[in-house]
């Protein structure tokens, strides 16, 4: 996954990424603290239908600003399995 955190000033963010196949059971797959700009996220290969991105800190305000989010499946065999 790749995401762009709003980076027009010097603020930093902390956030968690969780994934689920049913929106009931969630697994935290990534967490990062005090970062900014483009982020690249890697986690173990697993079925994912839903992604939850939760901002936990902003050095300026109480809001989390994610400008862009990309989540692509790269394995064609895995994609076909879920079609």
C-alpha atoms as a PDB file:
ATOM      1  CA  UNK A   1       0.000   0.000   0.000  1.00  0.00           C
ATOM      2  CA  UNK A   2       1.029   3.587  -0.507  1.00  0.00           C
ATOM      3  CA  UNK A   3      -0.445   6.662   1.078  1.00  0.00           C
ATOM      4  CA  UNK A   4       0.229  10.368   0.987  1.00  0.00           C
ATOM      5  CA  UNK A   5      -0.152  12.302   4.207  1.00  0.00           C
ATOM      6  CA  UNK A   6      -0.842  16.012   3.777  1.00  0.00           C
ATOM      7  CA  UNK A   7       2.606  17.602   3.643  1.00  0.00           C
ATOM      8  CA  UNK A   8       2.212  21.323   2.959  1.00  0.00           C
ATOM      9  CA  UNK A   9       3.869  22.229   6.262  1.00  0.00           C
ATOM     10  CA  UNK A  10       6.058  20.578   8.897  1.00  0.00           C
ATOM     11  CA  UNK A  11       3.346  18.572  10.690  1.00  0.00           C
ATOM     12  CA  UNK A  12       3.817  14.867  11.391  1.00  0.00           C
ATOM     13  CA  UNK A  13       1.312  12.057  11.879  1.00  0.00           C
ATOM     14  CA  UNK A  14       0.989   8.689  13.560  1.00  0.00           C
ATOM     15  CA  UNK A  15      -1.430   6.036  12.310  1.00  0.00           C
ATOM     16  CA  UNK A  16      -2.461   2.375  12.324  1.00  0.00           C
ATOM     17  CA  UNK A  17      -3.527   0.162   9.428  1.00  0.00           C
ATOM     18  CA  UNK A  18      -5.894  -2.746  10.023  1.00  0.00           C
ATOM     19  CA  UNK A  19      -7.329  -5.222   7.510  1.00  0.00           C
ATOM     20  CA  UNK A  20     -10.388  -7.463   7.470  1.00  0.00           C
ATOM     21  CA  UNK A  21     -12.342  -9.798   5.225  1.00  0.00           C
ATOM     22  CA  UNK A  22     -15.669  -9.346   7.053  1.00  0.00           C
ATOM     23  CA  UNK A  23     -15.599  -5.958   8.882  1.00  0.00           C
ATOM     24  CA  UNK A  24     -15.975  -7.856  12.164  1.00  0.00           C
ATOM     25  CA  UNK A  25     -12.510  -9.302  12.753  1.00  0.00           C
ATOM     26  CA  UNK A  26      -9.680  -6.815  12.235  1.00  0.00           C
ATOM     27  CA  UNK A  27      -5.929  -7.438  12.223  1.00  0.00           C
ATOM     28  CA  UNK A  28      -3.438  -4.631  12.749  1.00  0.00           C
ATOM     29  CA  UNK A  29      -0.810  -5.056  10.039  1.00  0.00           C
ATOM     30  CA  UNK A  30       1.110  -1.795  10.301  1.00  0.00           C
ATOM     31  CA  UNK A  31       1.721   1.122  12.635  1.00  0.00           C
ATOM     32  CA  UNK A  32       3.938   4.159  12.214  1.00  0.00           C
ATOM     33  CA  UNK A  33       4.707   7.195  14.385  1.00  0.00           C
ATOM     34  CA  UNK A  34       5.626  10.797  13.635  1.00  0.00           C
ATOM     35  CA  UNK A  35       5.956  10.592   9.858  1.00  0.00           C
ATOM     36  CA  UNK A  36       4.866  12.716   6.890  1.00  0.00           C
ATOM     37  CA  UNK A  37       4.522  12.770   3.100  1.00  0.00           C
ATOM     38  CA  UNK A  38       4.498   9.539   1.037  1.00  0.00           C
ATOM     39  CA  UNK A  39       4.476   6.291   3.015  1.00  0.00           C
ATOM     40  CA  UNK A  40       4.922   2.785   1.661  1.00  0.00           C
ATOM     41  CA  UNK A  41       3.373  -0.002   3.714  1.00  0.00           C
ATOM     42  CA  UNK A  42       4.318  -3.665   3.509  1.00  0.00           C
ATOM     43  CA  UNK A  43       2.701  -6.507   5.423  1.00  0.00           C
ATOM     44  CA  UNK A  44       2.361 -10.278   5.153  1.00  0.00           C
ATOM     45  CA  UNK A  45       0.348 -11.587   2.224  1.00  0.00           C
ATOM     46  CA  UNK A  46      -3.220 -12.389   3.250  1.00  0.00           C
ATOM     47  CA  UNK A  47      -6.781 -12.019   1.957  1.00  0.00           C
ATOM     48  CA  UNK A  48      -7.962  -8.409   2.387  1.00  0.00           C
ATOM     49  CA  UNK A  49     -11.331  -6.960   1.505  1.00  0.00           C
ATOM     50  CA  UNK A  50     -11.446  -3.952   3.854  1.00  0.00           C
ATOM     51  CA  UNK A  51      -8.712  -1.569   4.998  1.00  0.00           C
ATOM     52  CA  UNK A  52      -9.053   0.641   8.070  1.00  0.00           C
ATOM     53  CA  UNK A  53      -6.644   3.579   8.313  1.00  0.00           C
ATOM     54  CA  UNK A  54      -6.797   5.265  11.714  1.00  0.00           C
ATOM     55  CA  UNK A  55      -4.907   8.453  12.452  1.00  0.00           C
ATOM     56  CA  UNK A  56      -3.703   8.543  16.054  1.00  0.00           C
ATOM     57  CA  UNK A  57      -1.648  11.763  16.120  1.00  0.00           C
ATOM     58  CA  UNK A  58      -1.219  15.068  14.287  1.00  0.00           C
ATOM     59  CA  UNK A  59       1.409  17.491  15.585  1.00  0.00           C
ATOM     60  CA  UNK A  60      -0.758  20.524  14.698  1.00  0.00           C
ATOM     61  CA  UNK A  61      -4.442  19.611  15.022  1.00  0.00           C
ATOM     62  CA  UNK A  62      -6.634  16.702  16.030  1.00  0.00           C
ATOM     63  CA  UNK A  63      -7.344  15.719  12.410  1.00  0.00           C
ATOM     64  CA  UNK A  64      -5.707  13.103  10.187  1.00  0.00           C
ATOM     65  CA  UNK A  65      -5.217  14.117   6.554  1.00  0.00           C
ATOM     66  CA  UNK A  66      -4.642  11.303   4.079  1.00  0.00           C
ATOM     67  CA  UNK A  67      -4.561  12.843   0.598  1.00  0.00           C
ATOM     68  CA  UNK A  68      -4.050   9.671  -1.462  1.00  0.00           C
ATOM     69  CA  UNK A  69      -4.317   5.931  -0.798  1.00  0.00           C
ATOM     70  CA  UNK A  70      -3.328   3.062  -3.117  1.00  0.00           C
ATOM     71  CA  UNK A  71      -4.052  -0.603  -2.392  1.00  0.00           C
ATOM     72  CA  UNK A  72      -3.295  -2.899  -5.306  1.00  0.00           C
ATOM     73  CA  UNK A  73      -3.196  -6.685  -5.353  1.00  0.00           C
ATOM     74  CA  UNK A  74      -0.062  -7.639  -7.265  1.00  0.00           C
ATOM     75  CA  UNK A  75      -0.548 -11.400  -7.564  1.00  0.00           C
ATOM     76  CA  UNK A  76      -2.841 -12.297 -10.506  1.00  0.00           C
ATOM     77  CA  UNK A  77      -3.492 -15.797  -9.090  1.00  0.00           C
ATOM     78  CA  UNK A  78      -4.618 -14.267  -5.801  1.00  0.00           C
ATOM     79  CA  UNK A  79      -6.867 -11.748  -7.575  1.00  0.00           C
ATOM     80  CA  UNK A  80      -8.536 -14.476  -9.646  1.00  0.00           C
ATOM     81  CA  UNK A  81      -9.187 -16.518  -6.499  1.00  0.00           C
ATOM     82  CA  UNK A  82     -11.451 -13.765  -5.134  1.00  0.00           C
ATOM     83  CA  UNK A  83     -13.275 -12.864  -8.370  1.00  0.00           C
END
